[in-house]
Amino acid sequence: MKDRQMNKGFLFSIFAVALSWSTAVVFAQEQASAPSFKEGDTWQFNITRKGQISSSTDQNEGMYELSVTQGVVKLYDVNGGQKNEKPIAPDGPTQALLRLIGKSDQRLDLKFPLSVGQKWTYGYQTRLPNTRQDQRRSAEVNVAGMDQVTVPAGSFKAYQLIRSESWSIGGQRAAGTVNSSTSTYFYSPETRSIVKASTMNEKNPGTIETELIRFTPGN
């Protein structure tokens, strides 16, 4: 009887390992193709800072809406029932918002087709507000796996990505000082967007949290 129970336990262990391995292989083989946006696609995101002082470069905080109108992505600040359009700049906070749907030419946080194990690097230059200093940033992105993610907009099967970013802090007193951040974010092919993100800055305690509040597919 004991031998039979041991054999059953052994077989169950083998089955569990085989199932886990086959699931990992399926996930690794899956690919997310580049999204095809439709007229009227609309996303609402909420960005909060938890225990972190506002950054001088990416000052997004609060509720934002992105929508596709006549083939162009438009950005809005959302405050209660009011929306105010934000002009899109080639640098700065608006590019940080556009990368949530992979539409930033400056910040390539999404690279299609997307698959587990994929890695890439990119660099970009940004200018601090109210200064004449350009800051060069380097980023490395790794597609770490897949997970089921629940946010106010719903529950989605998503790719988990990790971005490591580093840059030098300018200014005569801090010249050469290196800073870095790590972001973990989740992309859902269903919403054609990042649905959740968390960013930690080495020299600024706390996190920046982003969640998809609502997704309305277009026609």
N, C-alpha and C. Protein backbone atom coordinates (compact mmCIF):
# COMPACT_ATOMS: atom_id res chain seq x y z
N MET A 1 0.83 -1.22 0.00
CA MET A 1 0.00 0.00 0.00
C MET A 1 0.86 1.26 0.00
N LYS A 2 1.92 1.26 0.87
CA LYS A 2 2.80 2.42 0.92
C LYS A 2 3.51 2.64 -0.40
N ASP A 3 3.95 1.51 -1.01
CA ASP A 3 4.65 1.62 -2.30
C ASP A 3 3.72 2.19 -3.35
N ARG A 4 2.46 1.78 -3.33
CA ARG A 4 1.50 2.29 -4.32
C ARG A 4 1.28 3.79 -4.13
N GLN A 5 1.17 4.22 -2.87
CA GLN A 5 0.98 5.66 -2.60
C GLN A 5 2.21 6.46 -3.03
N MET A 6 3.40 5.89 -2.78
CA MET A 6 4.63 6.57 -3.18
C MET A 6 4.70 6.71 -4.70
N ASN A 7 4.30 5.64 -5.40
CA ASN A 7 4.31 5.68 -6.87
C ASN A 7 3.33 6.73 -7.40
N LYS A 8 2.14 6.82 -6.75
CA LYS A 8 1.17 7.82 -7.17
C LYS A 8 1.71 9.23 -6.96
N GLY A 9 2.35 9.43 -5.80
CA GLY A 9 2.93 10.74 -5.51
C GLY A 9 4.02 11.10 -6.50
N PHE A 10 4.85 10.08 -6.83
CA PHE A 10 5.94 10.32 -7.78
C PHE A 10 5.39 10.67 -9.16
N LEU A 11 4.38 9.91 -9.59
CA LEU A 11 3.77 10.17 -10.90
C LEU A 11 3.10 11.54 -10.94
N PHE A 12 2.46 11.91 -9.82
CA PHE A 12 1.82 13.23 -9.76
C PHE A 12 2.85 14.35 -9.87
N SER A 13 4.01 14.15 -9.21
CA SER A 13 5.09 15.15 -9.27
C SER A 13 5.60 15.31 -10.69
N ILE A 14 5.78 14.17 -11.37
CA ILE A 14 6.24 14.22 -12.76
C ILE A 14 5.23 14.94 -13.64
N PHE A 15 3.95 14.64 -13.42
CA PHE A 15 2.89 15.29 -14.21
C PHE A 15 2.88 16.79 -13.98
N ALA A 16 3.03 17.21 -12.72
CA ALA A 16 3.01 18.64 -12.39
C ALA A 16 4.18 19.37 -13.05
N VAL A 17 5.37 18.74 -13.00
CA VAL A 17 6.55 19.35 -13.62
C VAL A 17 6.36 19.44 -15.13
N ALA A 18 5.84 18.36 -15.74
CA ALA A 18 5.62 18.35 -17.19
C ALA A 18 4.60 19.40 -17.60
N LEU A 19 3.54 19.56 -16.80
CA LEU A 19 2.52 20.56 -17.11
C LEU A 19 3.09 21.96 -17.01
N SER A 20 3.89 22.19 -15.96
CA SER A 20 4.52 23.51 -15.78
C SER A 20 5.46 23.82 -16.94
N TRP A 21 6.24 22.81 -17.36
CA TRP A 21 7.19 23.01 -18.46
C TRP A 21 6.46 23.28 -19.76
N SER A 22 5.41 22.51 -20.03
CA SER A 22 4.67 22.70 -21.29
C SER A 22 3.98 24.06 -21.32
N THR A 23 3.48 24.51 -20.14
CA THR A 23 2.85 25.84 -20.07
C THR A 23 3.87 26.92 -20.35
N ALA A 24 5.07 26.75 -19.78
CA ALA A 24 6.14 27.74 -20.02
C ALA A 24 6.52 27.79 -21.49
N VAL A 25 6.57 26.60 -22.14
CA VAL A 25 6.91 26.55 -23.57
C VAL A 25 5.85 27.26 -24.40
N VAL A 26 4.57 27.02 -24.06
CA VAL A 26 3.48 27.68 -24.80
C VAL A 26 3.58 29.19 -24.66
N PHE A 27 3.81 29.67 -23.42
CA PHE A 27 3.94 31.11 -23.19
C PHE A 27 5.11 31.67 -23.99
N ALA A 28 6.24 30.91 -24.01
CA ALA A 28 7.42 31.40 -24.71
C ALA A 28 7.19 31.48 -26.20
N GLN A 29 6.33 30.61 -26.72
CA GLN A 29 6.08 30.58 -28.15
C GLN A 29 5.04 31.62 -28.58
N GLU A 30 4.24 32.11 -27.65
CA GLU A 30 3.22 33.09 -27.99
C GLU A 30 3.86 34.40 -28.41
N GLN A 31 3.21 35.08 -29.33
CA GLN A 31 3.68 36.38 -29.77
C GLN A 31 2.51 37.34 -29.84
N ALA A 32 2.77 38.57 -29.47
CA ALA A 32 1.78 39.62 -29.61
C ALA A 32 2.20 40.50 -30.79
N SER A 33 1.39 40.51 -31.81
CA SER A 33 1.71 41.32 -32.99
C SER A 33 1.44 42.79 -32.71
N ALA A 34 1.94 43.64 -33.58
CA ALA A 34 1.73 45.08 -33.42
C ALA A 34 0.23 45.38 -33.44
N PRO A 35 -0.26 46.17 -32.50
CA PRO A 35 -1.70 46.43 -32.43
C PRO A 35 -2.19 47.26 -33.60
N SER A 36 -3.41 47.00 -33.99
CA SER A 36 -4.08 47.80 -35.02
C SER A 36 -5.14 48.64 -34.33
N PHE A 37 -4.89 49.93 -34.24
CA PHE A 37 -5.79 50.81 -33.52
C PHE A 37 -6.99 51.18 -34.39
N LYS A 38 -8.13 51.34 -33.73
CA LYS A 38 -9.38 51.67 -34.40
C LYS A 38 -9.85 53.06 -34.02
N GLU A 39 -10.60 53.65 -34.92
CA GLU A 39 -11.18 54.96 -34.65
C GLU A 39 -12.05 54.88 -33.38
N GLY A 40 -11.75 55.74 -32.43
CA GLY A 40 -12.53 55.77 -31.20
C GLY A 40 -11.96 54.96 -30.06
N ASP A 41 -10.88 54.19 -30.30
CA ASP A 41 -10.22 53.49 -29.18
C ASP A 41 -9.89 54.51 -28.10
N THR A 42 -10.27 54.20 -26.86
CA THR A 42 -10.06 55.16 -25.77
C THR A 42 -9.58 54.44 -24.51
N TRP A 43 -8.55 55.01 -23.90
CA TRP A 43 -7.99 54.46 -22.66
C TRP A 43 -7.97 55.55 -21.60
N GLN A 44 -8.30 55.20 -20.38
CA GLN A 44 -8.14 56.11 -19.25
C GLN A 44 -7.19 55.47 -18.24
N PHE A 45 -6.17 56.23 -17.85
CA PHE A 45 -5.17 55.76 -16.91
C PHE A 45 -5.14 56.66 -15.68
N ASN A 46 -4.85 56.04 -14.55
CA ASN A 46 -4.63 56.80 -13.33
C ASN A 46 -3.19 56.61 -12.89
N ILE A 47 -2.49 57.72 -12.65
CA ILE A 47 -1.09 57.69 -12.25
C ILE A 47 -0.97 58.31 -10.87
N THR A 48 -0.40 57.55 -9.94
CA THR A 48 -0.24 58.04 -8.58
C THR A 48 1.21 57.86 -8.13
N ARG A 49 1.63 58.73 -7.23
CA ARG A 49 2.96 58.63 -6.63
C ARG A 49 2.79 58.23 -5.17
N LYS A 50 3.43 57.14 -4.80
CA LYS A 50 3.33 56.65 -3.43
C LYS A 50 4.66 56.83 -2.72
N GLY A 51 4.72 57.84 -1.87
CA GLY A 51 5.94 58.11 -1.12
C GLY A 51 7.06 58.67 -1.94
N GLN A 52 6.74 59.24 -3.10
CA GLN A 52 7.78 59.75 -3.99
C GLN A 52 7.55 61.21 -4.31
N ILE A 53 8.64 61.98 -4.33
CA ILE A 53 8.59 63.38 -4.71
C ILE A 53 8.44 63.47 -6.21
N SER A 54 7.66 64.43 -6.70
CA SER A 54 7.42 64.58 -8.13
C SER A 54 8.72 64.75 -8.89
N SER A 55 8.85 64.02 -9.99
CA SER A 55 10.05 64.09 -10.84
C SER A 55 10.06 65.37 -11.64
N SER A 56 11.25 65.82 -11.99
CA SER A 56 11.36 67.05 -12.78
C SER A 56 11.16 66.79 -14.26
N THR A 57 11.20 65.51 -14.68
CA THR A 57 11.11 65.21 -16.11
C THR A 57 9.76 64.62 -16.51
N ASP A 58 9.24 63.74 -15.69
CA ASP A 58 7.95 63.12 -16.01
C ASP A 58 6.96 63.47 -14.91
N GLN A 59 6.27 64.58 -15.06
CA GLN A 59 5.45 65.11 -14.00
C GLN A 59 3.99 64.64 -14.08
N ASN A 60 3.74 63.55 -14.76
CA ASN A 60 2.38 63.05 -14.87
C ASN A 60 1.88 62.53 -13.53
N GLU A 61 0.72 63.00 -13.13
CA GLU A 61 0.07 62.51 -11.93
C GLU A 61 -1.41 62.85 -12.02
N GLY A 62 -2.25 61.85 -11.80
CA GLY A 62 -3.69 62.07 -11.92
C GLY A 62 -4.29 61.18 -12.99
N MET A 63 -5.41 61.63 -13.54
CA MET A 63 -6.16 60.85 -14.54
C MET A 63 -5.91 61.42 -15.94
N TYR A 64 -5.64 60.50 -16.88
CA TYR A 64 -5.39 60.91 -18.26
C TYR A 64 -6.17 60.02 -19.21
N GLU A 65 -6.51 60.59 -20.35
CA GLU A 65 -7.22 59.84 -21.39
C GLU A 65 -6.45 59.93 -22.70
N LEU A 66 -6.33 58.81 -23.38
CA LEU A 66 -5.76 58.75 -24.72
C LEU A 66 -6.85 58.22 -25.64
N SER A 67 -7.02 58.83 -26.79
CA SER A 67 -8.04 58.37 -27.72
C SER A 67 -7.55 58.53 -29.15
N VAL A 68 -8.05 57.65 -30.02
CA VAL A 68 -7.70 57.70 -31.43
C VAL A 68 -8.80 58.44 -32.18
N THR A 69 -8.42 59.56 -32.78
CA THR A 69 -9.38 60.39 -33.53
C THR A 69 -8.80 60.69 -34.90
N GLN A 70 -9.49 60.22 -35.94
CA GLN A 70 -9.04 60.40 -37.32
C GLN A 70 -7.60 59.90 -37.50
N GLY A 71 -7.32 58.77 -36.89
CA GLY A 71 -6.00 58.14 -37.03
C GLY A 71 -4.90 58.75 -36.20
N VAL A 72 -5.23 59.74 -35.37
CA VAL A 72 -4.24 60.43 -34.55
C VAL A 72 -4.57 60.22 -33.07
N VAL A 73 -3.53 59.98 -32.26
CA VAL A 73 -3.73 59.82 -30.82
C VAL A 73 -3.78 61.20 -30.17
N LYS A 74 -4.81 61.44 -29.39
CA LYS A 74 -4.93 62.70 -28.65
C LYS A 74 -4.89 62.42 -27.15
N LEU A 75 -4.34 63.37 -26.40
CA LEU A 75 -4.18 63.23 -24.96
C LEU A 75 -5.04 64.27 -24.24
N TYR A 76 -5.58 63.84 -23.08
CA TYR A 76 -6.41 64.74 -22.30
C TYR A 76 -6.11 64.58 -20.81
N ASP A 77 -6.12 65.70 -20.10
CA ASP A 77 -6.20 65.68 -18.64
C ASP A 77 -7.66 65.45 -18.29
N VAL A 78 -7.93 64.60 -17.33
CA VAL A 78 -9.30 64.34 -16.91
C VAL A 78 -9.45 64.77 -15.46
N ASN A 79 -10.39 65.66 -15.23
CA ASN A 79 -10.65 66.14 -13.87
C ASN A 79 -12.15 66.12 -13.65
N GLY A 80 -12.63 65.06 -12.97
CA GLY A 80 -14.07 64.92 -12.81
C GLY A 80 -14.72 64.66 -14.16
N GLY A 81 -15.67 65.49 -14.51
CA GLY A 81 -16.35 65.34 -15.80
C GLY A 81 -15.76 66.21 -16.89
N GLN A 82 -14.64 66.87 -16.60
CA GLN A 82 -14.03 67.77 -17.58
C GLN A 82 -12.76 67.16 -18.16
N LYS A 83 -12.56 67.42 -19.47
CA LYS A 83 -11.36 66.97 -20.16
C LYS A 83 -10.71 68.16 -20.85
N ASN A 84 -9.40 68.27 -20.71
CA ASN A 84 -8.64 69.32 -21.38
C ASN A 84 -7.55 68.67 -22.22
N GLU A 85 -7.53 68.99 -23.52
CA GLU A 85 -6.55 68.39 -24.40
C GLU A 85 -5.15 68.88 -24.07
N LYS A 86 -4.18 67.96 -24.12
CA LYS A 86 -2.77 68.27 -23.89
C LYS A 86 -2.04 68.25 -25.22
N PRO A 87 -1.37 69.33 -25.57
CA PRO A 87 -0.56 69.30 -26.80
C PRO A 87 0.59 68.31 -26.65
N ILE A 88 0.83 67.53 -27.69
CA ILE A 88 1.88 66.52 -27.65
C ILE A 88 3.22 67.14 -28.04
N ALA A 89 4.20 66.99 -27.14
CA ALA A 89 5.54 67.49 -27.39
C ALA A 89 6.47 66.34 -27.76
N PRO A 90 7.57 66.62 -28.46
CA PRO A 90 8.49 65.54 -28.84
C PRO A 90 9.30 65.00 -27.67
N ASP A 91 9.13 65.60 -26.49
CA ASP A 91 9.91 65.21 -25.32
C ASP A 91 9.03 65.44 -24.08
N GLY A 92 9.39 64.81 -22.97
CA GLY A 92 8.74 65.13 -21.72
C GLY A 92 7.53 64.27 -21.37
N PRO A 93 6.66 64.79 -20.50
CA PRO A 93 5.55 64.01 -19.94
C PRO A 93 4.59 63.42 -20.97
N THR A 94 4.34 64.11 -22.07
CA THR A 94 3.40 63.56 -23.04
C THR A 94 3.95 62.30 -23.71
N GLN A 95 5.27 62.23 -23.89
CA GLN A 95 5.87 61.01 -24.45
C GLN A 95 5.76 59.85 -23.46
N ALA A 96 5.82 60.17 -22.16
CA ALA A 96 5.64 59.14 -21.14
C ALA A 96 4.23 58.56 -21.19
N LEU A 97 3.26 59.37 -21.56
CA LEU A 97 1.88 58.89 -21.70
C LEU A 97 1.70 58.08 -22.98
N LEU A 98 2.29 58.54 -24.07
CA LEU A 98 2.14 57.84 -25.34
C LEU A 98 2.74 56.44 -25.30
N ARG A 99 3.77 56.24 -24.50
CA ARG A 99 4.38 54.91 -24.45
C ARG A 99 3.47 53.88 -23.82
N LEU A 100 2.41 54.32 -23.15
CA LEU A 100 1.47 53.38 -22.55
C LEU A 100 0.72 52.57 -23.62
N ILE A 101 0.66 53.11 -24.84
CA ILE A 101 0.04 52.36 -25.93
C ILE A 101 1.05 52.13 -27.07
N GLY A 102 2.33 52.30 -26.75
CA GLY A 102 3.38 52.03 -27.73
C GLY A 102 3.46 53.03 -28.86
N LYS A 103 3.01 54.26 -28.61
CA LYS A 103 2.99 55.27 -29.68
C LYS A 103 4.03 56.37 -29.49
N SER A 104 4.97 56.16 -28.58
CA SER A 104 6.05 57.14 -28.41
C SER A 104 7.22 56.77 -29.30
N ASP A 105 7.61 57.68 -30.18
CA ASP A 105 8.78 57.45 -31.02
C ASP A 105 10.07 57.60 -30.22
N GLN A 106 9.97 58.27 -29.07
CA GLN A 106 11.14 58.54 -28.25
C GLN A 106 11.45 57.40 -27.28
N ARG A 107 10.40 56.80 -26.71
CA ARG A 107 10.59 55.80 -25.65
C ARG A 107 9.97 54.46 -26.08
N LEU A 108 10.85 53.56 -26.49
CA LEU A 108 10.41 52.30 -27.11
C LEU A 108 10.21 51.21 -26.05
N ASP A 109 9.21 51.41 -25.20
CA ASP A 109 8.93 50.44 -24.14
C ASP A 109 8.23 49.19 -24.66
N LEU A 110 7.67 49.27 -25.86
CA LEU A 110 7.02 48.12 -26.48
C LEU A 110 7.62 47.93 -27.87
N LYS A 111 8.00 46.69 -28.18
CA LYS A 111 8.61 46.40 -29.47
C LYS A 111 7.97 45.14 -30.02
N PHE A 112 7.29 45.26 -31.14
CA PHE A 112 6.50 44.16 -31.69
C PHE A 112 7.22 43.49 -32.86
N PRO A 113 6.93 42.17 -33.04
CA PRO A 113 6.08 41.30 -32.21
C PRO A 113 6.72 41.05 -30.85
N LEU A 114 5.88 40.96 -29.83
CA LEU A 114 6.31 40.82 -28.45
C LEU A 114 6.29 39.35 -28.07
N SER A 115 7.37 38.86 -27.45
CA SER A 115 7.41 37.46 -27.02
C SER A 115 8.27 37.33 -25.78
N VAL A 116 7.98 36.32 -24.97
CA VAL A 116 8.72 36.09 -23.74
C VAL A 116 10.17 35.76 -24.06
N GLY A 117 11.09 36.40 -23.32
CA GLY A 117 12.51 36.20 -23.56
C GLY A 117 13.13 37.28 -24.43
N GLN A 118 12.31 38.08 -25.06
CA GLN A 118 12.80 39.13 -25.93
C GLN A 118 13.47 40.23 -25.12
N LYS A 119 14.55 40.80 -25.65
CA LYS A 119 15.27 41.89 -25.00
C LYS A 119 15.65 42.94 -26.04
N TRP A 120 15.69 44.19 -25.63
CA TRP A 120 16.19 45.24 -26.51
C TRP A 120 16.63 46.43 -25.67
N THR A 121 17.39 47.30 -26.29
CA THR A 121 17.86 48.51 -25.63
C THR A 121 17.49 49.72 -26.48
N TYR A 122 17.41 50.86 -25.85
CA TYR A 122 17.21 52.10 -26.58
C TYR A 122 17.73 53.27 -25.74
N GLY A 123 17.96 54.37 -26.38
CA GLY A 123 18.40 55.58 -25.69
C GLY A 123 17.60 56.77 -26.17
N TYR A 124 17.50 57.76 -25.34
CA TYR A 124 16.82 58.99 -25.74
C TYR A 124 17.38 60.17 -24.97
N GLN A 125 17.15 61.32 -25.49
CA GLN A 125 17.65 62.55 -24.89
C GLN A 125 16.48 63.41 -24.44
N THR A 126 16.56 63.91 -23.24
CA THR A 126 15.49 64.75 -22.72
C THR A 126 16.08 66.00 -22.08
N ARG A 127 15.29 67.04 -22.03
CA ARG A 127 15.76 68.29 -21.43
C ARG A 127 14.94 68.59 -20.18
N LEU A 128 15.62 68.86 -19.09
CA LEU A 128 14.94 69.17 -17.85
C LEU A 128 14.19 70.49 -17.98
N PRO A 129 12.98 70.57 -17.42
CA PRO A 129 12.21 71.83 -17.50
C PRO A 129 12.97 73.00 -16.90
N ASN A 130 12.86 74.13 -17.55
CA ASN A 130 13.46 75.39 -17.08
C ASN A 130 14.99 75.33 -17.01
N THR A 131 15.60 74.47 -17.84
CA THR A 131 17.06 74.41 -17.90
C THR A 131 17.49 74.33 -19.36
N ARG A 132 18.78 74.46 -19.58
CA ARG A 132 19.33 74.31 -20.92
C ARG A 132 20.13 73.02 -21.03
N GLN A 133 19.97 72.16 -20.06
CA GLN A 133 20.74 70.93 -20.02
C GLN A 133 19.98 69.77 -20.66
N ASP A 134 20.67 69.06 -21.55
CA ASP A 134 20.13 67.84 -22.11
C ASP A 134 20.62 66.66 -21.28
N GLN A 135 19.72 65.71 -21.07
CA GLN A 135 20.04 64.54 -20.28
C GLN A 135 19.90 63.30 -21.17
N ARG A 136 20.96 62.53 -21.26
CA ARG A 136 20.95 61.32 -22.08
C ARG A 136 20.60 60.13 -21.21
N ARG A 137 19.59 59.38 -21.63
CA ARG A 137 19.13 58.23 -20.86
C ARG A 137 19.30 56.94 -21.69
N SER A 138 19.63 55.85 -20.99
CA SER A 138 19.76 54.54 -21.63
C SER A 138 18.82 53.56 -20.94
N ALA A 139 18.14 52.75 -21.73
CA ALA A 139 17.17 51.81 -21.17
C ALA A 139 17.36 50.42 -21.77
N GLU A 140 17.13 49.42 -20.94
CA GLU A 140 17.14 48.02 -21.38
C GLU A 140 15.82 47.40 -20.97
N VAL A 141 15.17 46.72 -21.91
CA VAL A 141 13.85 46.13 -21.66
C VAL A 141 13.93 44.62 -21.82
N ASN A 142 13.31 43.91 -20.89
CA ASN A 142 13.29 42.45 -20.92
C ASN A 142 11.84 41.97 -20.76
N VAL A 143 11.38 41.12 -21.69
CA VAL A 143 10.05 40.52 -21.58
C VAL A 143 10.20 39.29 -20.70
N ALA A 144 9.79 39.42 -19.43
CA ALA A 144 10.12 38.43 -18.41
C ALA A 144 9.18 37.24 -18.38
N GLY A 145 7.92 37.42 -18.79
CA GLY A 145 6.97 36.32 -18.70
C GLY A 145 5.56 36.79 -18.97
N MET A 146 4.59 35.98 -18.53
CA MET A 146 3.19 36.32 -18.70
C MET A 146 2.47 36.13 -17.37
N ASP A 147 1.40 36.90 -17.18
CA ASP A 147 0.67 36.82 -15.92
C ASP A 147 -0.77 37.30 -16.14
N GLN A 148 -1.63 36.94 -15.22
CA GLN A 148 -3.00 37.44 -15.23
C GLN A 148 -3.03 38.65 -14.31
N VAL A 149 -3.42 39.80 -14.86
CA VAL A 149 -3.35 41.05 -14.12
C VAL A 149 -4.75 41.65 -13.98
N THR A 150 -5.08 42.06 -12.76
CA THR A 150 -6.39 42.66 -12.50
C THR A 150 -6.22 44.13 -12.15
N VAL A 151 -6.91 44.98 -12.86
CA VAL A 151 -6.91 46.42 -12.65
C VAL A 151 -8.37 46.90 -12.69
N PRO A 152 -8.63 48.16 -12.39
CA PRO A 152 -10.03 48.63 -12.45
C PRO A 152 -10.72 48.37 -13.77
N ALA A 153 -9.97 48.32 -14.88
CA ALA A 153 -10.58 48.10 -16.20
C ALA A 153 -10.97 46.64 -16.42
N GLY A 154 -10.46 45.72 -15.57
CA GLY A 154 -10.78 44.31 -15.75
C GLY A 154 -9.59 43.42 -15.47
N SER A 155 -9.73 42.14 -15.82
CA SER A 155 -8.66 41.16 -15.63
C SER A 155 -8.16 40.73 -17.00
N PHE A 156 -6.83 40.79 -17.19
CA PHE A 156 -6.27 40.56 -18.52
C PHE A 156 -5.04 39.66 -18.45
N LYS A 157 -4.90 38.81 -19.47
CA LYS A 157 -3.67 38.06 -19.65
C LYS A 157 -2.66 39.01 -20.27
N ALA A 158 -1.50 39.16 -19.63
CA ALA A 158 -0.58 40.22 -20.04
C ALA A 158 0.87 39.75 -20.03
N TYR A 159 1.66 40.38 -20.86
CA TYR A 159 3.11 40.18 -20.88
C TYR A 159 3.73 41.05 -19.79
N GLN A 160 4.61 40.45 -19.01
CA GLN A 160 5.34 41.22 -17.99
C GLN A 160 6.68 41.68 -18.57
N LEU A 161 6.93 42.97 -18.50
CA LEU A 161 8.17 43.54 -18.99
C LEU A 161 8.88 44.29 -17.87
N ILE A 162 10.19 44.27 -17.90
CA ILE A 162 10.99 44.98 -16.91
C ILE A 162 11.94 45.92 -17.65
N ARG A 163 11.88 47.20 -17.32
CA ARG A 163 12.77 48.18 -17.94
C ARG A 163 13.73 48.74 -16.90
N SER A 164 15.02 48.66 -17.20
CA SER A 164 16.06 49.27 -16.36
C SER A 164 16.58 50.49 -17.10
N GLU A 165 16.57 51.64 -16.43
CA GLU A 165 16.95 52.89 -17.08
C GLU A 165 17.99 53.61 -16.22
N SER A 166 18.97 54.22 -16.86
CA SER A 166 20.01 54.96 -16.13
C SER A 166 20.34 56.25 -16.85
N TRP A 167 20.80 57.23 -16.09
CA TRP A 167 21.16 58.53 -16.65
C TRP A 167 22.06 59.27 -15.68
N SER A 168 22.72 60.30 -16.16
CA SER A 168 23.56 61.15 -15.33
C SER A 168 22.79 62.39 -14.92
N ILE A 169 22.96 62.76 -13.68
CA ILE A 169 22.30 63.97 -13.18
C ILE A 169 23.20 65.15 -13.49
N GLY A 170 22.64 66.17 -14.19
CA GLY A 170 23.43 67.33 -14.60
C GLY A 170 23.62 68.33 -13.49
N GLY A 171 24.23 69.45 -13.86
CA GLY A 171 24.49 70.50 -12.87
C GLY A 171 25.92 70.42 -12.38
N GLN A 172 26.48 71.57 -12.03
CA GLN A 172 27.88 71.60 -11.63
C GLN A 172 28.14 70.81 -10.35
N ARG A 173 27.19 70.87 -9.40
CA ARG A 173 27.40 70.19 -8.13
C ARG A 173 27.21 68.68 -8.23
N ALA A 174 26.39 68.25 -9.19
CA ALA A 174 26.09 66.82 -9.28
C ALA A 174 26.57 66.20 -10.58
N ALA A 175 27.48 66.88 -11.28
CA ALA A 175 27.93 66.39 -12.57
C ALA A 175 28.52 64.99 -12.44
N GLY A 176 28.08 64.10 -13.28
CA GLY A 176 28.60 62.74 -13.28
C GLY A 176 27.88 61.80 -12.34
N THR A 177 26.99 62.31 -11.50
CA THR A 177 26.23 61.45 -10.60
C THR A 177 25.23 60.63 -11.39
N VAL A 178 25.25 59.33 -11.18
CA VAL A 178 24.38 58.44 -11.95
C VAL A 178 23.13 58.10 -11.15
N ASN A 179 22.01 58.14 -11.82
CA ASN A 179 20.74 57.74 -11.22
C ASN A 179 20.15 56.63 -12.06
N SER A 180 19.25 55.85 -11.48
CA SER A 180 18.64 54.76 -12.23
C SER A 180 17.23 54.50 -11.71
N SER A 181 16.45 53.84 -12.55
CA SER A 181 15.10 53.44 -12.16
C SER A 181 14.79 52.07 -12.75
N THR A 182 13.86 51.38 -12.12
CA THR A 182 13.40 50.09 -12.60
C THR A 182 11.88 50.11 -12.68
N SER A 183 11.36 49.74 -13.85
CA SER A 183 9.91 49.72 -14.06
C SER A 183 9.46 48.31 -14.41
N THR A 184 8.41 47.86 -13.77
CA THR A 184 7.76 46.60 -14.12
C THR A 184 6.38 46.94 -14.66
N TYR A 185 6.10 46.48 -15.88
CA TYR A 185 4.81 46.84 -16.47
C TYR A 185 4.25 45.66 -17.26
N PHE A 186 2.94 45.73 -17.52
CA PHE A 186 2.22 44.61 -18.11
C PHE A 186 1.45 45.09 -19.34
N TYR A 187 1.70 44.42 -20.47
CA TYR A 187 1.03 44.76 -21.73
C TYR A 187 -0.02 43.72 -22.05
N SER A 188 -1.24 44.18 -22.36
CA SER A 188 -2.34 43.29 -22.74
C SER A 188 -2.68 43.44 -24.22
N PRO A 189 -2.58 42.37 -25.00
CA PRO A 189 -3.01 42.45 -26.40
C PRO A 189 -4.50 42.77 -26.53
N GLU A 190 -5.29 42.41 -25.51
CA GLU A 190 -6.73 42.66 -25.57
C GLU A 190 -7.06 44.14 -25.55
N THR A 191 -6.35 44.90 -24.71
CA THR A 191 -6.60 46.35 -24.64
C THR A 191 -5.65 47.13 -25.55
N ARG A 192 -4.67 46.42 -26.11
CA ARG A 192 -3.66 47.06 -26.98
C ARG A 192 -2.89 48.15 -26.22
N SER A 193 -2.63 47.87 -24.94
CA SER A 193 -1.97 48.89 -24.11
C SER A 193 -1.31 48.23 -22.90
N ILE A 194 -0.49 49.02 -22.23
CA ILE A 194 -0.02 48.66 -20.90
C ILE A 194 -1.21 48.82 -19.95
N VAL A 195 -1.42 47.84 -19.09
CA VAL A 195 -2.56 47.91 -18.17
C VAL A 195 -2.13 48.24 -16.74
N LYS A 196 -0.85 48.00 -16.45
CA LYS A 196 -0.36 48.28 -15.10
C LYS A 196 1.14 48.50 -15.14
N ALA A 197 1.63 49.44 -14.31
CA ALA A 197 3.07 49.70 -14.26
C ALA A 197 3.45 50.22 -12.89
N SER A 198 4.68 49.89 -12.48
CA SER A 198 5.22 50.38 -11.22
C SER A 198 6.68 50.72 -11.44
N THR A 199 7.06 51.95 -11.05
CA THR A 199 8.42 52.42 -11.27
C THR A 199 9.06 52.84 -9.95
N MET A 200 10.29 52.36 -9.72
CA MET A 200 11.06 52.74 -8.54
C MET A 200 12.31 53.49 -9.00
N ASN A 201 12.60 54.61 -8.33
CA ASN A 201 13.77 55.43 -8.64
C ASN A 201 14.80 55.25 -7.53
N GLU A 202 16.05 55.00 -7.92
CA GLU A 202 17.11 54.72 -6.95
C GLU A 202 17.27 55.84 -5.93
N LYS A 203 17.17 57.09 -6.36
CA LYS A 203 17.43 58.22 -5.47
C LYS A 203 16.15 58.96 -5.08
N ASN A 204 15.00 58.35 -5.31
CA ASN A 204 13.73 58.98 -4.95
C ASN A 204 12.81 57.89 -4.39
N PRO A 205 12.82 57.69 -3.07
CA PRO A 205 12.06 56.57 -2.47
C PRO A 205 10.59 56.60 -2.86
N GLY A 206 9.98 55.42 -2.84
CA GLY A 206 8.58 55.31 -3.22
C GLY A 206 8.43 54.80 -4.63
N THR A 207 7.21 54.80 -5.14
CA THR A 207 6.94 54.28 -6.47
C THR A 207 5.96 55.18 -7.23
N ILE A 208 5.99 55.05 -8.54
CA ILE A 208 4.98 55.65 -9.40
C ILE A 208 4.12 54.50 -9.91
N GLU A 209 2.82 54.55 -9.65
CA GLU A 209 1.91 53.47 -10.02
C GLU A 209 0.96 53.93 -11.12
N THR A 210 0.84 53.11 -12.15
CA THR A 210 -0.06 53.41 -13.27
C THR A 210 -1.03 52.25 -13.45
N GLU A 211 -2.32 52.56 -13.58
CA GLU A 211 -3.33 51.53 -13.82
C GLU A 211 -4.30 51.97 -14.89
N LEU A 212 -4.71 51.00 -15.70
CA LEU A 212 -5.76 51.26 -16.68
C LEU A 212 -7.11 51.25 -15.97
N ILE A 213 -7.81 52.36 -16.05
CA ILE A 213 -9.10 52.50 -15.38
C ILE A 213 -10.24 52.05 -16.29
N ARG A 214 -10.11 52.38 -17.57
CA ARG A 214 -11.18 52.04 -18.51
C ARG A 214 -10.61 51.94 -19.92
N PHE A 215 -11.08 50.92 -20.65
CA PHE A 215 -10.76 50.80 -22.07
C PHE A 215 -12.05 50.67 -22.85
N THR A 216 -12.23 51.55 -23.84
CA THR A 216 -13.41 51.51 -24.70
C THR A 216 -12.94 51.27 -26.13
N PRO A 217 -13.21 50.08 -26.67
CA PRO A 217 -12.76 49.81 -28.06
C PRO A 217 -13.55 50.63 -29.05
N GLY A 218 -12.89 51.02 -30.12
CA GLY A 218 -13.52 51.81 -31.16
C GLY A 218 -14.19 50.93 -32.19
N ASN A 219 -14.56 51.55 -33.32
CA ASN A 219 -15.25 50.85 -34.39
C ASN A 219 -14.29 50.48 -35.52
